[in-house]
Protein backbone atom coordinates (compact mmCIF):
# COMPACT_ATOMS: atom_id res chain seq x y z
CA MET A 1 97.24 6.68 43.80
CA LYS A 2 99.06 4.57 41.19
CA CYS A 3 98.46 1.03 39.98
CA ILE A 4 101.06 -1.22 41.62
CA ARG A 5 101.41 -3.21 38.41
CA CYS A 6 101.67 -0.68 35.56
CA LYS A 7 101.93 2.66 37.47
CA LYS A 8 98.92 4.17 35.67
CA GLU A 9 96.26 6.00 37.66
CA ALA A 10 94.53 3.45 39.92
CA GLU A 11 90.74 3.02 39.93
CA VAL A 12 90.41 0.33 42.60
CA GLU A 13 92.09 0.11 46.00
CA LEU A 14 92.20 -3.28 47.71
CA LYS A 15 93.49 -2.87 51.25
CA SER A 16 93.29 -6.60 51.96
CA HIS A 17 95.95 -7.11 49.26
CA ASN A 18 97.79 -3.88 50.06
CA ALA A 19 97.30 -2.96 46.41
CA ALA A 20 95.67 -0.56 43.98
CA PHE A 21 94.94 -1.28 40.32
CA CYS A 22 93.94 0.47 37.13
CA ARG A 23 90.97 -1.04 35.33
CA ASP A 24 92.93 -3.43 33.08
CA CYS A 25 95.23 -4.62 35.85
CA PHE A 26 92.29 -5.12 38.20
CA LEU A 27 90.64 -7.41 35.66
CA LEU A 28 93.88 -9.41 35.43
CA PHE A 29 93.92 -9.64 39.23
CA PHE A 30 90.27 -10.74 39.22
CA TYR A 31 90.80 -13.50 36.69
CA ASN A 32 93.94 -14.61 38.53
CA GLN A 33 91.99 -15.02 41.79
CA LEU A 34 89.30 -16.99 39.96
CA ASN A 35 91.81 -19.23 38.20
CA LYS A 36 93.71 -19.76 41.44
CA ALA A 37 90.56 -21.00 43.16
CA VAL A 38 89.66 -23.31 40.27
CA LYS A 39 93.15 -24.84 40.10
CA GLN A 40 93.72 -25.08 43.86
CA PHE A 41 90.61 -27.21 44.36
CA LYS A 42 90.49 -28.83 40.89
CA MET A 43 86.97 -27.52 40.39
CA PHE A 44 86.65 -28.10 36.64
CA ASP A 45 88.48 -27.82 33.34
CA LYS A 46 87.71 -26.74 29.80
CA GLU A 47 86.26 -30.16 28.90
CA ASP A 48 83.67 -30.15 31.69
CA LYS A 49 80.05 -29.16 31.19
CA ILE A 50 79.41 -26.48 33.82
CA LEU A 51 75.95 -25.52 35.04
CA ILE A 52 75.92 -22.07 36.67
CA ALA A 53 73.15 -21.26 39.13
CA VAL A 54 72.14 -17.67 38.35
CA SER A 55 69.77 -15.42 40.30
CA GLY A 56 70.16 -12.16 38.40
CA GLY A 57 72.37 -10.67 41.12
CA LYS A 58 75.91 -9.37 40.65
CA ASP A 59 77.72 -12.48 41.93
CA SER A 60 76.14 -15.15 39.76
CA MET A 61 75.96 -12.85 36.72
CA SER A 62 79.64 -11.96 37.13
CA LEU A 63 80.57 -15.63 37.45
CA TRP A 64 78.65 -16.39 34.27
CA SER A 65 80.44 -13.53 32.47
CA ALA A 66 83.91 -14.45 33.74
CA LEU A 67 83.65 -18.15 32.89
CA LEU A 68 82.38 -17.29 29.41
CA GLU A 69 85.33 -14.94 28.91
CA LEU A 70 87.77 -17.60 30.07
CA GLY A 71 86.40 -20.05 27.52
CA TYR A 72 84.59 -22.56 29.74
CA ASN A 73 81.66 -24.65 28.53
CA THR A 74 78.83 -23.10 30.53
CA THR A 75 75.05 -23.14 30.71
CA ALA A 76 73.11 -21.03 33.20
CA LEU A 77 70.13 -22.21 35.22
CA PHE A 78 67.59 -19.73 36.59
CA VAL A 79 64.94 -20.88 39.04
CA ASP A 80 61.95 -18.53 38.78
CA LEU A 81 60.67 -18.38 42.36
CA GLY A 82 57.28 -16.96 41.44
CA ILE A 83 57.66 -13.92 43.70
CA GLY A 84 55.52 -11.15 42.21
CA GLY A 85 57.55 -8.28 40.74
CA PHE A 86 60.88 -9.53 42.06
CA SER A 87 61.12 -12.75 40.04
CA GLU A 88 60.02 -11.09 36.79
CA LEU A 89 62.72 -8.44 37.13
CA ALA A 90 65.41 -10.97 38.02
CA ARG A 91 64.44 -13.16 35.08
CA SER A 92 64.53 -10.21 32.68
CA LYS A 93 68.14 -9.48 33.71
CA VAL A 94 69.18 -13.10 33.18
CA GLU A 95 67.42 -13.45 29.82
CA ALA A 96 68.87 -10.15 28.59
CA PHE A 97 72.39 -11.33 29.44
CA SER A 98 71.74 -14.64 27.70
CA ASP A 99 70.58 -12.82 24.56
CA ARG A 100 73.45 -10.33 24.67
CA PHE A 101 76.14 -13.00 24.73
CA ASP A 102 74.21 -15.80 23.02
CA ALA A 103 74.80 -17.84 26.17
CA PRO A 104 72.76 -21.01 26.88
CA LEU A 105 70.11 -20.65 29.59
CA ARG A 106 67.70 -23.08 31.24
CA VAL A 107 64.71 -21.90 33.30
CA VAL A 108 62.63 -23.71 35.92
CA GLU A 109 59.35 -22.03 36.91
CA LEU A 110 58.17 -22.90 40.41
CA LYS A 111 54.62 -21.81 39.53
CA LYS A 112 54.50 -24.52 36.89
CA GLU A 113 55.94 -26.95 39.44
CA GLY A 114 53.08 -26.04 41.80
CA ILE A 115 55.33 -24.64 44.52
CA PRO A 116 55.87 -20.87 44.09
CA ILE A 117 57.72 -19.49 47.10
CA PRO A 118 54.95 -17.12 48.37
CA GLU A 119 52.48 -20.01 48.58
CA VAL A 120 55.00 -22.36 50.17
CA VAL A 121 55.93 -19.80 52.83
CA LYS A 122 52.26 -19.40 53.76
CA LYS A 123 51.90 -23.13 54.32
CA ILE A 124 55.16 -23.84 56.13
CA LYS A 125 56.09 -22.09 59.36
CA ARG A 126 59.81 -22.02 58.66
CA PRO A 127 62.21 -19.23 57.61
CA ALA A 128 61.59 -18.37 53.95
CA CYS A 129 65.30 -18.43 53.06
CA ALA A 130 65.74 -21.96 54.42
CA VAL A 131 62.74 -23.27 52.48
CA CYS A 132 63.75 -21.45 49.29
CA GLY A 133 67.31 -22.74 49.57
CA ARG A 134 66.19 -26.35 49.80
CA ILE A 135 63.92 -25.99 46.80
CA LYS A 136 66.59 -24.33 44.68
CA ARG A 137 69.20 -26.95 45.60
CA TYR A 138 66.76 -29.65 44.52
CA TYR A 139 66.33 -28.13 41.05
CA PHE A 140 70.01 -27.22 40.67
CA ASN A 141 70.83 -30.86 41.23
CA THR A 142 68.02 -32.52 39.28
CA GLU A 143 68.37 -30.19 36.28
CA GLY A 144 72.14 -30.66 36.33
CA LEU A 145 71.90 -34.43 36.29
CA LYS A 146 69.11 -34.37 33.72
CA GLY A 147 71.25 -32.21 31.41
CA GLY A 148 74.36 -34.36 31.79
CA PHE A 149 76.44 -31.65 33.48
CA ASP A 150 79.67 -32.44 35.28
CA VAL A 151 79.57 -29.71 37.89
CA LEU A 152 77.33 -27.04 39.40
CA ALA A 153 78.95 -23.63 40.02
CA THR A 154 77.48 -20.97 42.31
CA GLY A 155 78.45 -17.33 42.84
CA HIS A 156 79.13 -17.57 46.59
CA ASN A 157 81.88 -15.10 47.46
CA LEU A 158 84.31 -14.60 50.34
CA ASP A 159 81.79 -12.50 52.28
CA ASP A 160 79.19 -15.26 51.96
CA GLU A 161 81.59 -17.96 53.04
CA THR A 162 83.05 -16.11 56.02
CA SER A 163 79.56 -15.13 57.23
CA ARG A 164 78.46 -18.74 57.02
CA LEU A 165 81.63 -19.91 58.75
CA PHE A 166 81.21 -17.31 61.49
CA SER A 167 77.64 -18.47 62.08
CA ASN A 168 78.56 -22.15 62.11
CA VAL A 169 81.44 -21.62 64.53
CA LEU A 170 79.45 -19.25 66.74
CA HIS A 171 76.73 -21.88 67.17
CA TRP A 172 79.05 -24.91 66.71
CA LYS A 173 76.97 -26.44 63.95
CA MET A 174 79.37 -29.29 63.28
CA GLU A 175 77.27 -30.93 60.58
CA TYR A 176 77.37 -27.68 58.58
CA LEU A 177 81.09 -27.14 59.20
CA GLU A 178 81.72 -30.61 57.77
CA ASP A 179 80.05 -29.55 54.52
CA GLN A 180 81.65 -26.10 54.27
CA SER A 181 84.18 -26.15 51.47
CA PRO A 182 84.78 -24.51 48.07
CA VAL A 183 84.11 -27.96 46.59
CA LEU A 184 81.58 -30.62 47.50
CA PRO A 185 82.38 -33.78 45.53
CA SER A 186 79.70 -35.67 43.68
CA GLU A 187 77.89 -38.45 45.49
CA GLU A 188 75.39 -40.96 44.23
CA GLY A 189 72.57 -38.83 42.88
CA LEU A 190 74.24 -35.54 43.82
CA LEU A 191 76.15 -33.30 41.41
CA LYS A 192 79.60 -31.93 42.24
CA LYS A 193 79.25 -28.35 43.57
CA VAL A 194 81.90 -25.61 43.41
CA LYS A 195 82.33 -21.98 44.49
CA PRO A 196 84.92 -20.37 42.17
CA PHE A 197 84.48 -16.91 43.76
CA PHE A 198 85.44 -17.93 47.30
CA ARG A 199 88.63 -15.85 47.13
CA LEU A 200 86.83 -12.69 45.94
CA THR A 201 84.86 -10.18 48.00
CA GLU A 202 81.52 -8.58 47.18
CA PHE A 203 83.32 -5.30 46.53
CA GLU A 204 85.73 -6.90 44.06
CA ILE A 205 82.89 -8.63 42.23
CA ALA A 206 80.89 -5.39 42.12
CA ALA A 207 83.92 -3.63 40.61
CA TYR A 208 84.22 -6.37 37.98
CA ALA A 209 80.50 -6.08 37.14
CA PHE A 210 80.86 -2.31 36.80
CA PHE A 211 83.90 -2.51 34.53
CA LYS A 212 82.26 -5.20 32.34
CA ASN A 213 78.96 -3.30 32.15
CA ILE A 214 76.90 -6.17 33.53
CA ASP A 215 73.27 -5.25 34.13
CA TYR A 216 72.23 -7.06 37.31
CA LEU A 217 69.46 -7.03 39.87
CA THR A 218 70.18 -4.58 42.70
CA SER A 219 67.07 -5.11 44.83
CA GLY A 220 67.03 -7.86 47.43
CA CYS A 221 64.46 -10.60 47.74
CA PRO A 222 61.45 -9.33 49.76
CA PHE A 223 61.57 -12.50 51.86
CA SER A 224 65.21 -12.02 52.90
CA LYS A 225 64.65 -9.00 55.18
CA GLY A 226 66.10 -9.57 58.62
CA ALA A 227 68.21 -12.56 57.56
CA THR A 228 70.82 -13.39 60.21
CA PHE A 229 73.63 -13.68 57.67
CA SER A 230 73.24 -9.99 56.80
CA THR A 231 73.95 -9.10 60.42
CA TYR A 232 77.05 -11.31 60.48
CA LYS A 233 78.27 -9.71 57.26
CA ARG A 234 78.01 -6.26 58.78
CA HIS A 235 80.00 -7.30 61.84
CA LEU A 236 82.70 -8.95 59.72
CA ASN A 237 82.88 -5.86 57.50
CA ARG A 238 83.65 -3.74 60.55
CA ILE A 239 86.44 -6.10 61.54
CA GLU A 240 87.76 -6.16 57.98
CA TYR A 241 87.78 -2.37 57.87
CA ASP A 242 89.96 -2.18 60.99
CA SER A 243 92.10 -5.21 60.05
CA PRO A 244 92.27 -5.75 56.27
CA ALA A 245 92.64 -9.37 55.09
CA THR A 246 90.89 -10.76 58.19
CA LYS A 247 88.22 -12.46 56.06
CA ILE A 248 90.57 -14.33 53.74
CA ASP A 249 92.81 -15.31 56.67
CA PHE A 250 89.79 -16.57 58.63
CA TYR A 251 88.49 -18.69 55.77
CA GLN A 252 91.85 -19.98 54.54
CA GLY A 253 92.76 -20.80 58.13
CA PHE A 254 89.61 -22.88 58.46
CA LEU A 255 90.33 -24.74 55.21
CA LYS A 256 93.91 -25.44 56.24
CA ASN A 257 93.63 -26.13 59.97
CA LEU A 258 90.11 -27.26 60.89
CA ARG A 259 88.46 -28.59 57.73
CA PRO A 260 90.89 -31.58 57.43
CA LEU A 261 90.01 -32.66 60.98
CA LEU A 262 86.30 -32.90 60.29
CA ASN A 263 84.70 -36.07 59.00
CA LYS A 264 81.28 -37.43 58.20
CA LYS A 265 81.54 -40.81 59.90
CA ASN A 266 78.46 -40.16 61.99
CA LYS A 267 76.42 -38.61 59.21
CA GLU A 268 73.03 -40.18 58.54
CA GLU A 269 72.93 -42.25 55.37
CA LEU A 270 70.99 -40.86 52.44
CA THR A 271 68.26 -42.89 50.77
CA ARG A 272 66.31 -42.21 47.57
CA CYS A 273 62.93 -40.50 47.45
CA ARG A 274 60.37 -43.13 46.47
CA VAL A 275 58.61 -40.58 44.23
CA CYS A 276 61.40 -38.86 42.27
CA GLY A 277 64.60 -40.67 43.28
CA TYR A 278 66.28 -37.58 44.77
CA PRO A 279 68.72 -38.30 47.65
CA THR A 280 66.97 -37.68 50.97
CA PHE A 281 67.02 -38.68 54.64
CA GLY A 282 63.38 -39.69 54.64
CA GLU A 283 61.13 -41.85 52.52
CA VAL A 284 59.96 -38.86 50.47
CA CYS A 285 62.06 -35.75 49.69
CA PHE A 286 61.16 -32.23 50.79
CA VAL A 287 60.04 -31.04 47.34
CA CYS A 288 57.80 -34.02 46.69
CA ARG A 289 56.18 -33.48 50.09
CA LEU A 290 55.54 -29.84 49.17
CA LYS A 291 53.91 -30.95 45.94
CA GLY A 292 51.66 -33.29 47.91
CA LEU A 293 53.13 -36.37 46.27
CA ALA A 294 53.94 -38.16 49.52
């Protein structure tokens, strides 16, 4: 199998693009897909201060690496969830990358905040992933605003986005469909959020991480076992295997045909938490309630 670009021996086959690439040409393809996403949705430019939410996994670590290589002004933010064994390992991967590339890193420790995930999950009878997600979004936003950043970037990839879209359409969660986009603009008290990897699959990101020798966390969070999204991903992978390019067509079709028809006219107005000032629908935000500050 030959690289379609330079005719050298190919190392990566991408059926969804009807292509195969050698290592160097694959990296060019990878950066092109990233740049295309950034430019298409005007996510950020070289003058912007970009805060990257990193978990230690391949997606966020690869995004950090790629944006550094492309010359963007980036700082990473790691939220230490306080999960015994898992969080220490994830943090070690992130700190090692920061040291290796002399890349700025900020860390928030939930133990010091009084709300480590294992303790929160014991107190609240709700899915761990939902609770964890709300807490992380709170600190992504507050740390971003505190640090004067222009935009928050996350490593969500095409598989993540199509799984989420599939779930939201399957259950017709209109309020979530309204917010599903590669870019969520800034609002009062909320930082602009972007997903530069939305055109790239998990496989393509894993190939990039391998070629760039990125040391990332391979074990999953112990609280994520049985997550519904994993099931949806498996089903979509089967469809993609039989019909390559289904995922990108599904997501791009949503962005082109359905997303413009959705609006937020009936969305409940946000107020400010009376304790910390974070945008919320109630008098006190979720995190301040967890801390017992209500």
